[in-house]
Amino acid sequence: MTMFHFTKQERTVLSLFVLTALFGAMLRYAFAKYPALVDIVNLIDSDRIYSKVDINTSSVEELIDIPYIGEYTANNIVRYRQEHGPFKRIEQIKNVKGIRDKNYEGFYRYLRVK
């Protein structure tokens, strides 16, 4: 006799939860056993792989290639630049609609102003 009767959707959600928990546990174990993996992950998310993009001359496509900048933000950056002129400092990008401090912290290291 079964105690629990789950719908197909509930079984799917439960399975995904268990798989996510197992995957997380495996990652934690791998990072503990092989510390070099942490360095690889940090390298992928670092500015050493990406060349810096000039925010005054870059196109929407170039801006989208920067981590943490999507199409909406890239379009807003280009629009702001057209309306207000070139940026004098990287910090001025915080004036662009939709860019908050948290977003800025994610991508400022990939930008430059000539």
PDB file of N, CA and C in Angstrom:
ATOM      1  N   MET A   1       0.841  -1.183   0.000  1.00  0.00           N
ATOM      2  CA  MET A   1       0.000   0.000   0.000  1.00  0.00           C
ATOM      3  C   MET A   1       0.886   1.246   0.000  1.00  0.00           C
ATOM      4  N   THR A   2       0.635   2.155  -0.928  1.00  0.00           N
ATOM      5  CA  THR A   2       1.417   3.382  -1.015  1.00  0.00           C
ATOM      6  C   THR A   2       0.777   4.471  -0.159  1.00  0.00           C
ATOM      7  N   MET A   3       1.681   5.229   0.493  1.00  0.00           N
ATOM      8  CA  MET A   3       1.208   6.317   1.344  1.00  0.00           C
ATOM      9  C   MET A   3       0.990   7.610   0.572  1.00  0.00           C
ATOM     10  N   PHE A   4       1.817   7.802  -0.419  1.00  0.00           N
ATOM     11  CA  PHE A   4       1.752   9.063  -1.146  1.00  0.00           C
ATOM     12  C   PHE A   4       1.324   8.808  -2.588  1.00  0.00           C
ATOM     13  N   HIS A   5       0.475   9.640  -3.058  1.00  0.00           N
ATOM     14  CA  HIS A   5       0.053   9.589  -4.455  1.00  0.00           C
ATOM     15  C   HIS A   5       0.392  10.944  -5.074  1.00  0.00           C
ATOM     16  N   PHE A   6       1.378  10.935  -5.955  1.00  0.00           N
ATOM     17  CA  PHE A   6       1.810  12.156  -6.609  1.00  0.00           C
ATOM     18  C   PHE A   6       1.287  12.196  -8.035  1.00  0.00           C
ATOM     19  N   THR A   7       0.948  13.377  -8.477  1.00  0.00           N
ATOM     20  CA  THR A   7       0.575  13.551  -9.876  1.00  0.00           C
ATOM     21  C   THR A   7       1.848  13.504 -10.715  1.00  0.00           C
ATOM     22  N   LYS A   8       1.682  13.391 -12.004  1.00  0.00           N
ATOM     23  CA  LYS A   8       2.840  13.370 -12.898  1.00  0.00           C
ATOM     24  C   LYS A   8       3.671  14.643 -12.758  1.00  0.00           C
ATOM     25  N   GLN A   9       2.998  15.780 -12.648  1.00  0.00           N
ATOM     26  CA  GLN A   9       3.695  17.057 -12.498  1.00  0.00           C
ATOM     27  C   GLN A   9       4.464  17.103 -11.174  1.00  0.00           C
ATOM     28  N   GLU A  10       3.877  16.609 -10.099  1.00  0.00           N
ATOM     29  CA  GLU A  10       4.560  16.589  -8.799  1.00  0.00           C
ATOM     30  C   GLU A  10       5.775  15.666  -8.834  1.00  0.00           C
ATOM     31  N   ARG A  11       5.644  14.511  -9.489  1.00  0.00           N
ATOM     32  CA  ARG A  11       6.796  13.596  -9.620  1.00  0.00           C
ATOM     33  C   ARG A  11       7.914  14.258 -10.420  1.00  0.00           C
ATOM     34  N   THR A  12       7.555  15.002 -11.470  1.00  0.00           N
ATOM     35  CA  THR A  12       8.557  15.686 -12.287  1.00  0.00           C
ATOM     36  C   THR A  12       9.292  16.733 -11.463  1.00  0.00           C
ATOM     37  N   VAL A  13       8.554  17.531 -10.721  1.00  0.00           N
ATOM     38  CA  VAL A  13       9.164  18.572  -9.889  1.00  0.00           C
ATOM     39  C   VAL A  13      10.056  17.943  -8.829  1.00  0.00           C
ATOM     40  N   LEU A  14       9.573  16.888  -8.195  1.00  0.00           N
ATOM     41  CA  LEU A  14      10.364  16.203  -7.166  1.00  0.00           C
ATOM     42  C   LEU A  14      11.638  15.609  -7.755  1.00  0.00           C
ATOM     43  N   SER A  15      11.527  15.018  -8.947  1.00  0.00           N
ATOM     44  CA  SER A  15      12.705  14.452  -9.621  1.00  0.00           C
ATOM     45  C   SER A  15      13.720  15.537  -9.955  1.00  0.00           C
ATOM     46  N   LEU A  16      13.254  16.663 -10.473  1.00  0.00           N
ATOM     47  CA  LEU A  16      14.169  17.763 -10.793  1.00  0.00           C
ATOM     48  C   LEU A  16      14.846  18.305  -9.540  1.00  0.00           C
ATOM     49  N   PHE A  17      14.104  18.378  -8.456  1.00  0.00           N
ATOM     50  CA  PHE A  17      14.686  18.841  -7.189  1.00  0.00           C
ATOM     51  C   PHE A  17      15.782  17.887  -6.722  1.00  0.00           C
ATOM     52  N   VAL A  18      15.506  16.590  -6.768  1.00  0.00           N
ATOM     53  CA  VAL A  18      16.495  15.604  -6.339  1.00  0.00           C
ATOM     54  C   VAL A  18      17.720  15.649  -7.238  1.00  0.00           C
ATOM     55  N   LEU A  19      17.514  15.740  -8.547  1.00  0.00           N
ATOM     56  CA  LEU A  19      18.647  15.825  -9.478  1.00  0.00           C
ATOM     57  C   LEU A  19      19.484  17.079  -9.235  1.00  0.00           C
ATOM     58  N   THR A  20      18.827  18.204  -8.985  1.00  0.00           N
ATOM     59  CA  THR A  20      19.547  19.446  -8.698  1.00  0.00           C
ATOM     60  C   THR A  20      20.362  19.318  -7.416  1.00  0.00           C
ATOM     61  N   ALA A  21      19.776  18.718  -6.396  1.00  0.00           N
ATOM     62  CA  ALA A  21      20.491  18.525  -5.129  1.00  0.00           C
ATOM     63  C   ALA A  21      21.691  17.598  -5.319  1.00  0.00           C
ATOM     64  N   LEU A  22      21.521  16.520  -6.084  1.00  0.00           N
ATOM     65  CA  LEU A  22      22.636  15.607  -6.349  1.00  0.00           C
ATOM     66  C   LEU A  22      23.740  16.293  -7.146  1.00  0.00           C
ATOM     67  N   PHE A  23      23.355  17.065  -8.145  1.00  0.00           N
ATOM     68  CA  PHE A  23      24.339  17.785  -8.951  1.00  0.00           C
ATOM     69  C   PHE A  23      25.114  18.779  -8.086  1.00  0.00           C
ATOM     70  N   GLY A  24      24.407  19.487  -7.217  1.00  0.00           N
ATOM     71  CA  GLY A  24      25.068  20.424  -6.318  1.00  0.00           C
ATOM     72  C   GLY A  24      26.032  19.721  -5.374  1.00  0.00           C
ATOM     73  N   ALA A  25      25.618  18.576  -4.861  1.00  0.00           N
ATOM     74  CA  ALA A  25      26.496  17.808  -3.966  1.00  0.00           C
ATOM     75  C   ALA A  25      27.735  17.319  -4.713  1.00  0.00           C
ATOM     76  N   MET A  26      27.555  16.884  -5.962  1.00  0.00           N
ATOM     77  CA  MET A  26      28.708  16.435  -6.750  1.00  0.00           C
ATOM     78  C   MET A  26      29.659  17.594  -7.039  1.00  0.00           C
ATOM     79  N   LEU A  27      29.118  18.767  -7.359  1.00  0.00           N
ATOM     80  CA  LEU A  27      29.977  19.933  -7.590  1.00  0.00           C
ATOM     81  C   LEU A  27      30.749  20.307  -6.333  1.00  0.00           C
ATOM     82  N   ARG A  28      30.064  20.297  -5.211  1.00  0.00           N
ATOM     83  CA  ARG A  28      30.727  20.633  -3.949  1.00  0.00           C
ATOM     84  C   ARG A  28      31.857  19.652  -3.661  1.00  0.00           C
ATOM     85  N   TYR A  29      31.609  18.365  -3.882  1.00  0.00           N
ATOM     86  CA  TYR A  29      32.635  17.347  -3.678  1.00  0.00           C
ATOM     87  C   TYR A  29      33.804  17.556  -4.641  1.00  0.00           C
ATOM     88  N   ALA A  30      33.484  17.825  -5.914  1.00  0.00           N
ATOM     89  CA  ALA A  30      34.539  18.022  -6.913  1.00  0.00           C
ATOM     90  C   ALA A  30      35.390  19.237  -6.583  1.00  0.00           C
ATOM     91  N   PHE A  31      34.761  20.338  -6.148  1.00  0.00           N
ATOM     92  CA  PHE A  31      35.524  21.530  -5.788  1.00  0.00           C
ATOM     93  C   PHE A  31      36.392  21.279  -4.558  1.00  0.00           C
ATOM     94  N   ALA A  32      35.922  20.470  -3.630  1.00  0.00           N
ATOM     95  CA  ALA A  32      36.710  20.163  -2.431  1.00  0.00           C
ATOM     96  C   ALA A  32      37.877  19.244  -2.773  1.00  0.00           C
ATOM     97  N   LYS A  33      37.632  18.262  -3.620  1.00  0.00           N
ATOM     98  CA  LYS A  33      38.672  17.290  -3.958  1.00  0.00           C
ATOM     99  C   LYS A  33      39.689  17.856  -4.958  1.00  0.00           C
ATOM    100  N   TYR A  34      39.212  18.680  -5.882  1.00  0.00           N
ATOM    101  CA  TYR A  34      40.081  19.245  -6.919  1.00  0.00           C
ATOM    102  C   TYR A  34      40.000  20.771  -6.882  1.00  0.00           C
ATOM    103  N   PRO A  35      40.773  21.418  -6.018  1.00  0.00           N
ATOM    104  CA  PRO A  35      40.708  22.876  -5.885  1.00  0.00           C
ATOM    105  C   PRO A  35      41.019  23.623  -7.189  1.00  0.00           C
ATOM    106  N   ALA A  36      41.720  22.991  -8.106  1.00  0.00           N
ATOM    107  CA  ALA A  36      42.030  23.646  -9.379  1.00  0.00           C
ATOM    108  C   ALA A  36      40.765  23.951 -10.170  1.00  0.00           C
ATOM    109  N   LEU A  37      39.702  23.188  -9.950  1.00  0.00           N
ATOM    110  CA  LEU A  37      38.436  23.458 -10.635  1.00  0.00           C
ATOM    111  C   LEU A  37      37.889  24.835 -10.277  1.00  0.00           C
ATOM    112  N   VAL A  38      38.088  25.232  -9.030  1.00  0.00           N
ATOM    113  CA  VAL A  38      37.630  26.558  -8.601  1.00  0.00           C
ATOM    114  C   VAL A  38      38.367  27.627  -9.395  1.00  0.00           C
ATOM    115  N   ASP A  39      39.674  27.414  -9.606  1.00  0.00           N
ATOM    116  CA  ASP A  39      40.458  28.370 -10.384  1.00  0.00           C
ATOM    117  C   ASP A  39      39.952  28.461 -11.820  1.00  0.00           C
ATOM    118  N   ILE A  40      39.566  27.330 -12.387  1.00  0.00           N
ATOM    119  CA  ILE A  40      39.060  27.322 -13.758  1.00  0.00           C
ATOM    120  C   ILE A  40      37.744  28.094 -13.838  1.00  0.00           C
ATOM    121  N   VAL A  41      36.855  27.847 -12.891  1.00  0.00           N
ATOM    122  CA  VAL A  41      35.572  28.552 -12.874  1.00  0.00           C
ATOM    123  C   VAL A  41      35.806  30.041 -12.682  1.00  0.00           C
ATOM    124  N   ASN A  42      36.712  30.411 -11.789  1.00  0.00           N
ATOM    125  CA  ASN A  42      37.003  31.827 -11.572  1.00  0.00           C
ATOM    126  C   ASN A  42      37.633  32.466 -12.806  1.00  0.00           C
ATOM    127  N   LEU A  43      38.447  31.726 -13.538  1.00  0.00           N
ATOM    128  CA  LEU A  43      39.052  32.253 -14.758  1.00  0.00           C
ATOM    129  C   LEU A  43      37.989  32.537 -15.805  1.00  0.00           C
ATOM    130  N   ILE A  44      37.030  31.635 -15.933  1.00  0.00           N
ATOM    131  CA  ILE A  44      35.966  31.814 -16.921  1.00  0.00           C
ATOM    132  C   ILE A  44      35.177  33.081 -16.620  1.00  0.00           C
ATOM    133  N   ASP A  45      34.996  33.409 -15.353  1.00  0.00           N
ATOM    134  CA  ASP A  45      34.210  34.583 -14.973  1.00  0.00           C
ATOM    135  C   ASP A  45      35.074  35.827 -14.760  1.00  0.00           C
ATOM    136  N   SER A  46      36.325  35.761 -15.142  1.00  0.00           N
ATOM    137  CA  SER A  46      37.206  36.901 -14.891  1.00  0.00           C
ATOM    138  C   SER A  46      37.355  37.767 -16.143  1.00  0.00           C
ATOM    139  N   ASP A  47      37.956  38.919 -15.944  1.00  0.00           N
ATOM    140  CA  ASP A  47      38.172  39.813 -17.080  1.00  0.00           C
ATOM    141  C   ASP A  47      39.431  39.447 -17.858  1.00  0.00           C
ATOM    142  N   ARG A  48      40.142  38.388 -17.445  1.00  0.00           N
ATOM    143  CA  ARG A  48      41.343  37.986 -18.174  1.00  0.00           C
ATOM    144  C   ARG A  48      41.002  37.333 -19.507  1.00  0.00           C
ATOM    145  N   ILE A  49      39.818  36.776 -19.630  1.00  0.00           N
ATOM    146  CA  ILE A  49      39.419  36.122 -20.878  1.00  0.00           C
ATOM    147  C   ILE A  49      38.838  37.129 -21.857  1.00  0.00           C
ATOM    148  N   TYR A  50      38.151  38.115 -21.349  1.00  0.00           N
ATOM    149  CA  TYR A  50      37.461  39.088 -22.193  1.00  0.00           C
ATOM    150  C   TYR A  50      38.324  40.333 -22.364  1.00  0.00           C
ATOM    151  N   SER A  51      38.387  40.819 -23.595  1.00  0.00           N
ATOM    152  CA  SER A  51      39.083  42.082 -23.798  1.00  0.00           C
ATOM    153  C   SER A  51      38.132  43.207 -23.416  1.00  0.00           C
ATOM    154  N   LYS A  52      38.672  44.308 -22.974  1.00  0.00           N
ATOM    155  CA  LYS A  52      37.839  45.438 -22.563  1.00  0.00           C
ATOM    156  C   LYS A  52      37.263  46.122 -23.791  1.00  0.00           C
ATOM    157  N   VAL A  53      36.010  46.535 -23.657  1.00  0.00           N
ATOM    158  CA  VAL A  53      35.278  47.171 -24.757  1.00  0.00           C
ATOM    159  C   VAL A  53      35.113  48.648 -24.426  1.00  0.00           C
ATOM    160  N   ASP A  54      35.380  49.487 -25.409  1.00  0.00           N
ATOM    161  CA  ASP A  54      35.203  50.932 -25.231  1.00  0.00           C
ATOM    162  C   ASP A  54      33.712  51.253 -25.327  1.00  0.00           C
ATOM    163  N   ILE A  55      33.142  51.783 -24.257  1.00  0.00           N
ATOM    164  CA  ILE A  55      31.705  52.038 -24.252  1.00  0.00           C
ATOM    165  C   ILE A  55      31.301  53.211 -25.138  1.00  0.00           C
ATOM    166  N   ASN A  56      32.269  53.977 -25.598  1.00  0.00           N
ATOM    167  CA  ASN A  56      31.942  55.108 -26.473  1.00  0.00           C
ATOM    168  C   ASN A  56      31.903  54.734 -27.952  1.00  0.00           C
ATOM    169  N   THR A  57      32.483  53.600 -28.312  1.00  0.00           N
ATOM    170  CA  THR A  57      32.532  53.232 -29.726  1.00  0.00           C
ATOM    171  C   THR A  57      31.923  51.863 -30.015  1.00  0.00           C
ATOM    172  N   SER A  58      31.557  51.123 -28.996  1.00  0.00           N
ATOM    173  CA  SER A  58      31.074  49.756 -29.196  1.00  0.00           C
ATOM    174  C   SER A  58      29.643  49.742 -29.725  1.00  0.00           C
ATOM    175  N   SER A  59      29.372  48.717 -30.520  1.00  0.00           N
ATOM    176  CA  SER A  59      28.032  48.523 -31.070  1.00  0.00           C
ATOM    177  C   SER A  59      27.186  47.734 -30.069  1.00  0.00           C
ATOM    178  N   VAL A  60      25.914  47.625 -30.351  1.00  0.00           N
ATOM    179  CA  VAL A  60      25.015  46.836 -29.505  1.00  0.00           C
ATOM    180  C   VAL A  60      25.516  45.393 -29.432  1.00  0.00           C
ATOM    181  N   GLU A  61      25.916  44.833 -30.568  1.00  0.00           N
ATOM    182  CA  GLU A  61      26.392  43.453 -30.619  1.00  0.00           C
ATOM    183  C   GLU A  61      27.634  43.256 -29.758  1.00  0.00           C
ATOM    184  N   GLU A  62      28.561  44.213 -29.800  1.00  0.00           N
ATOM    185  CA  GLU A  62      29.772  44.113 -28.976  1.00  0.00           C
ATOM    186  C   GLU A  62      29.427  44.192 -27.496  1.00  0.00           C
ATOM    187  N   LEU A  63      28.477  45.032 -27.156  1.00  0.00           N
ATOM    188  CA  LEU A  63      28.077  45.149 -25.753  1.00  0.00           C
ATOM    189  C   LEU A  63      27.376  43.889 -25.262  1.00  0.00           C
ATOM    190  N   ILE A  64      26.593  43.260 -26.114  1.00  0.00           N
ATOM    191  CA  ILE A  64      25.901  42.027 -25.729  1.00  0.00           C
ATOM    192  C   ILE A  64      26.904  40.913 -25.428  1.00  0.00           C
ATOM    193  N   ASP A  65      28.047  40.939 -26.073  1.00  0.00           N
ATOM    194  CA  ASP A  65      29.074  39.914 -25.831  1.00  0.00           C
ATOM    195  C   ASP A  65      29.700  40.024 -24.448  1.00  0.00           C
ATOM    196  N   ILE A  66      29.504  41.136 -23.771  1.00  0.00           N
ATOM    197  CA  ILE A  66      30.063  41.334 -22.432  1.00  0.00           C
ATOM    198  C   ILE A  66      29.195  40.589 -21.424  1.00  0.00           C
ATOM    199  N   PRO A  67      29.817  39.858 -20.516  1.00  0.00           N
ATOM    200  CA  PRO A  67      29.019  39.178 -19.487  1.00  0.00           C
ATOM    201  C   PRO A  67      28.151  40.167 -18.715  1.00  0.00           C
ATOM    202  N   TYR A  68      26.942  39.754 -18.407  1.00  0.00           N
ATOM    203  CA  TYR A  68      25.986  40.517 -17.601  1.00  0.00           C
ATOM    204  C   TYR A  68      25.314  41.667 -18.361  1.00  0.00           C
ATOM    205  N   ILE A  69      25.571  41.809 -19.660  1.00  0.00           N
ATOM    206  CA  ILE A  69      24.879  42.831 -20.450  1.00  0.00           C
ATOM    207  C   ILE A  69      24.049  42.110 -21.506  1.00  0.00           C
ATOM    208  N   GLY A  70      22.760  42.350 -21.465  1.00  0.00           N
ATOM    209  CA  GLY A  70      21.857  41.761 -22.446  1.00  0.00           C
ATOM    210  C   GLY A  70      21.488  42.772 -23.518  1.00  0.00           C
ATOM    211  N   GLU A  71      20.600  42.371 -24.395  1.00  0.00           N
ATOM    212  CA  GLU A  71      20.207  43.229 -25.510  1.00  0.00           C
ATOM    213  C   GLU A  71      19.531  44.512 -25.027  1.00  0.00           C
ATOM    214  N   TYR A  72      18.660  44.407 -24.036  1.00  0.00           N
ATOM    215  CA  TYR A  72      17.953  45.574 -23.509  1.00  0.00           C
ATOM    216  C   TYR A  72      18.943  46.612 -22.967  1.00  0.00           C
ATOM    217  N   THR A  73      19.877  46.163 -22.149  1.00  0.00           N
ATOM    218  CA  THR A  73      20.863  47.076 -21.563  1.00  0.00           C
ATOM    219  C   THR A  73      21.786  47.644 -22.631  1.00  0.00           C
ATOM    220  N   ALA A  74      22.206  46.816 -23.570  1.00  0.00           N
ATOM    221  CA  ALA A  74      23.097  47.288 -24.644  1.00  0.00           C
ATOM    222  C   ALA A  74      22.409  48.379 -25.465  1.00  0.00           C
ATOM    223  N   ASN A  75      21.158  48.170 -25.791  1.00  0.00           N
ATOM    224  CA  ASN A  75      20.415  49.202 -26.540  1.00  0.00           C
ATOM    225  C   ASN A  75      20.303  50.488 -25.727  1.00  0.00           C
ATOM    226  N   ASN A  76      20.055  50.366 -24.425  1.00  0.00           N
ATOM    227  CA  ASN A  76      19.961  51.555 -23.576  1.00  0.00           C
ATOM    228  C   ASN A  76      21.290  52.296 -23.478  1.00  0.00           C
ATOM    229  N   ILE A  77      22.393  51.565 -23.455  1.00  0.00           N
ATOM    230  CA  ILE A  77      23.718  52.201 -23.402  1.00  0.00           C
ATOM    231  C   ILE A  77      23.962  53.003 -24.671  1.00  0.00           C
ATOM    232  N   VAL A  78      23.694  52.402 -25.821  1.00  0.00           N
ATOM    233  CA  VAL A  78      23.919  53.091 -27.100  1.00  0.00           C
ATOM    234  C   VAL A  78      22.988  54.296 -27.214  1.00  0.00           C
ATOM    235  N   ARG A  79      21.734  54.132 -26.824  1.00  0.00           N
ATOM    236  CA  ARG A  79      20.771  55.241 -26.883  1.00  0.00           C
ATOM    237  C   ARG A  79      21.223  56.387 -25.971  1.00  0.00           C
ATOM    238  N   TYR A  80      21.652  56.066 -24.767  1.00  0.00           N
ATOM    239  CA  TYR A  80      22.117  57.086 -23.820  1.00  0.00           C
ATOM    240  C   TYR A  80      23.318  57.833 -24.408  1.00  0.00           C
ATOM    241  N   ARG A  81      24.229  57.084 -24.998  1.00  0.00           N
ATOM    242  CA  ARG A  81      25.431  57.684 -25.596  1.00  0.00           C
ATOM    243  C   ARG A  81      25.051  58.627 -26.732  1.00  0.00           C
ATOM    244  N   GLN A  82      24.079  58.261 -27.538  1.00  0.00           N
ATOM    245  CA  GLN A  82      23.647  59.115 -28.651  1.00  0.00           C
ATOM    246  C   GLN A  82      22.975  60.391 -28.147  1.00  0.00           C
ATOM    247  N   GLU A  83      22.224  60.270 -27.055  1.00  0.00           N
ATOM    248  CA  GLU A  83      21.488  61.429 -26.538  1.00  0.00           C
ATOM    249  C   GLU A  83      22.346  62.356 -25.680  1.00  0.00           C
ATOM    250  N   HIS A  84      23.329  61.810 -24.951  1.00  0.00           N
ATOM    251  CA  HIS A  84      24.088  62.605 -23.990  1.00  0.00           C
ATOM    252  C   HIS A  84      25.561  62.774 -24.353  1.00  0.00           C
ATOM    253  N   GLY A  85      25.992  62.195 -25.452  1.00  0.00           N
ATOM    254  CA  GLY A  85      27.392  62.302 -25.839  1.00  0.00           C
ATOM    255  C   GLY A  85      28.227  61.209 -25.200  1.00  0.00           C
ATOM    256  N   PRO A  86      29.529  61.223 -25.476  1.00  0.00           N
ATOM    257  CA  PRO A  86      30.404  60.147 -24.990  1.00  0.00           C
ATOM    258  C   PRO A  86      30.540  60.150 -23.464  1.00  0.00           C
ATOM    259  N   PHE A  87      30.799  58.964 -22.956  1.00  0.00           N
ATOM    260  CA  PHE A  87      31.066  58.819 -21.523  1.00  0.00           C
ATOM    261  C   PHE A  87      32.462  59.337 -21.232  1.00  0.00           C
ATOM    262  N   LYS A  88      32.622  60.018 -20.120  1.00  0.00           N
ATOM    263  CA  LYS A  88      33.943  60.499 -19.718  1.00  0.00           C
ATOM    264  C   LYS A  88      34.581  59.549 -18.704  1.00  0.00           C
ATOM    265  N   ARG A  89      33.733  58.864 -17.933  1.00  0.00           N
ATOM    266  CA  ARG A  89      34.190  57.889 -16.938  1.00  0.00           C
ATOM    267  C   ARG A  89      33.263  56.673 -17.004  1.00  0.00           C
ATOM    268  N   ILE A  90      33.795  55.518 -16.681  1.00  0.00           N
ATOM    269  CA  ILE A  90      32.993  54.291 -16.708  1.00  0.00           C
ATOM    270  C   ILE A  90      31.814  54.392 -15.745  1.00  0.00           C
ATOM    271  N   GLU A  91      31.999  55.040 -14.618  1.00  0.00           N
ATOM    272  CA  GLU A  91      30.945  55.132 -13.607  1.00  0.00           C
ATOM    273  C   GLU A  91      29.683  55.812 -14.139  1.00  0.00           C
ATOM    274  N   GLN A  92      29.830  56.634 -15.173  1.00  0.00           N
ATOM    275  CA  GLN A  92      28.679  57.329 -15.751  1.00  0.00           C
ATOM    276  C   GLN A  92      27.665  56.356 -16.342  1.00  0.00           C
ATOM    277  N   ILE A  93      28.076  55.145 -16.608  1.00  0.00           N
ATOM    278  CA  ILE A  93      27.163  54.170 -17.188  1.00  0.00           C
ATOM    279  C   ILE A  93      26.028  53.834 -16.223  1.00  0.00           C
ATOM    280  N   LYS A  94      26.210  54.150 -14.949  1.00  0.00           N
ATOM    281  CA  LYS A  94      25.144  53.928 -13.968  1.00  0.00           C
ATOM    282  C   LYS A  94      23.942  54.843 -14.226  1.00  0.00           C
ATOM    283  N   ASN A  95      24.138  55.892 -15.012  1.00  0.00           N
ATOM    284  CA  ASN A  95      23.037  56.800 -15.354  1.00  0.00           C
ATOM    285  C   ASN A  95      22.109  56.219 -16.421  1.00  0.00           C
ATOM    286  N   VAL A  96      22.540  55.143 -17.065  1.00  0.00           N
ATOM    287  CA  VAL A  96      21.747  54.522 -18.118  1.00  0.00           C
ATOM    288  C   VAL A  96      20.562  53.788 -17.487  1.00  0.00           C
ATOM    289  N   LYS A  97      19.404  53.936 -18.098  1.00  0.00           N
ATOM    290  CA  LYS A  97      18.181  53.294 -17.604  1.00  0.00           C
ATOM    291  C   LYS A  97      18.384  51.780 -17.492  1.00  0.00           C
ATOM    292  N   GLY A  98      18.029  51.242 -16.340  1.00  0.00           N
ATOM    293  CA  GLY A  98      18.097  49.799 -16.131  1.00  0.00           C
ATOM    294  C   GLY A  98      19.393  49.293 -15.534  1.00  0.00           C
ATOM    295  N   ILE A  99      20.388  50.149 -15.377  1.00  0.00           N
ATOM    296  CA  ILE A  99      21.659  49.705 -14.794  1.00  0.00           C
ATOM    297  C   ILE A  99      21.688  50.115 -13.330  1.00  0.00           C
ATOM    298  N   ARG A 100      21.741  49.104 -12.476  1.00  0.00           N
ATOM    299  CA  ARG A 100      21.820  49.335 -11.039  1.00  0.00           C
ATOM    300  C   ARG A 100      23.229  49.000 -10.576  1.00  0.00           C
ATOM    301  N   ASP A 101      23.510  49.307  -9.326  1.00  0.00           N
ATOM    302  CA  ASP A 101      24.843  49.034  -8.782  1.00  0.00           C
ATOM    303  C   ASP A 101      25.214  47.559  -8.913  1.00  0.00           C
ATOM    304  N   LYS A 102      24.245  46.667  -8.680  1.00  0.00           N
ATOM    305  CA  LYS A 102      24.523  45.229  -8.761  1.00  0.00           C
ATOM    306  C   LYS A 102      24.924  44.840 -10.178  1.00  0.00           C
ATOM    307  N   ASN A 103      24.218  45.357 -11.189  1.00  0.00           N
ATOM    308  CA  ASN A 103      24.564  45.079 -12.582  1.00  0.00           C
ATOM    309  C   ASN A 103      25.953  45.630 -12.897  1.00  0.00           C
ATOM    310  N   TYR A 104      26.167  46.859 -12.473  1.00  0.00           N
ATOM    311  CA  TYR A 104      27.433  47.541 -12.735  1.00  0.00           C
ATOM    312  C   TYR A 104      28.604  46.737 -12.182  1.00  0.00           C
ATOM    313  N   GLU A 105      28.456  46.205 -10.976  1.00  0.00           N
ATOM    314  CA  GLU A 105      29.528  45.414 -10.359  1.00  0.00           C
ATOM    315  C   GLU A 105      29.841  44.174 -11.187  1.00  0.00           C
ATOM    316  N   GLY A 106      28.855  43.662 -11.919  1.00  0.00           N
ATOM    317  CA  GLY A 106      29.072  42.478 -12.732  1.00  0.00           C
ATOM    318  C   GLY A 106      29.858  42.733 -14.000  1.00  0.00           C
ATOM    319  N   PHE A 107      29.717  43.920 -14.590  1.00  0.00           N
ATOM    320  CA  PHE A 107      30.344  44.108 -15.907  1.00  0.00           C
ATOM    321  C   PHE A 107      31.319  45.273 -16.026  1.00  0.00           C
ATOM    322  N   TYR A 108      31.474  46.100 -15.027  1.00  0.00           N
ATOM    323  CA  TYR A 108      32.320  47.293 -15.210  1.00  0.00           C
ATOM    324  C   TYR A 108      33.756  46.939 -15.574  1.00  0.00           C
ATOM    325  N   ARG A 109      34.247  45.810 -15.110  1.00  0.00           N
ATOM    326  CA  ARG A 109      35.658  45.455 -15.370  1.00  0.00           C
ATOM    327  C   ARG A 109      35.910  45.073 -16.824  1.00  0.00           C
ATOM    328  N   TYR A 110      34.853  44.898 -17.595  1.00  0.00           N
ATOM    329  CA  TYR A 110      34.992  44.553 -19.009  1.00  0.00           C
ATOM    330  C   TYR A 110      34.914  45.779 -19.914  1.00  0.00           C
ATOM    331  N   LEU A 111      34.749  46.952 -19.300  1.00  0.00           N
ATOM    332  CA  LEU A 111      34.564  48.192 -20.062  1.00  0.00           C
ATOM    333  C   LEU A 111      35.756  49.120 -19.891  1.00  0.00           C
ATOM    334  N   ARG A 112      35.875  50.025 -20.846  1.00  0.00           N
ATOM    335  CA  ARG A 112      36.886  51.077 -20.741  1.00  0.00           C
ATOM    336  C   ARG A 112      36.368  52.315 -21.463  1.00  0.00           C
ATOM    337  N   VAL A 113      36.991  53.439 -21.159  1.00  0.00           N
ATOM    338  CA  VAL A 113      36.683  54.698 -21.830  1.00  0.00           C
ATOM    339  C   VAL A 113      38.001  55.237 -22.359  1.00  0.00           C
ATOM    340  N   LYS A 114      38.059  55.449 -23.670  1.00  0.00           N
ATOM    341  CA  LYS A 114      39.297  55.992 -24.262  1.00  0.00           C
ATOM    342  C   LYS A 114      39.335  57.479 -24.135  1.00  0.00           C
TER     343      LYS A 114
END
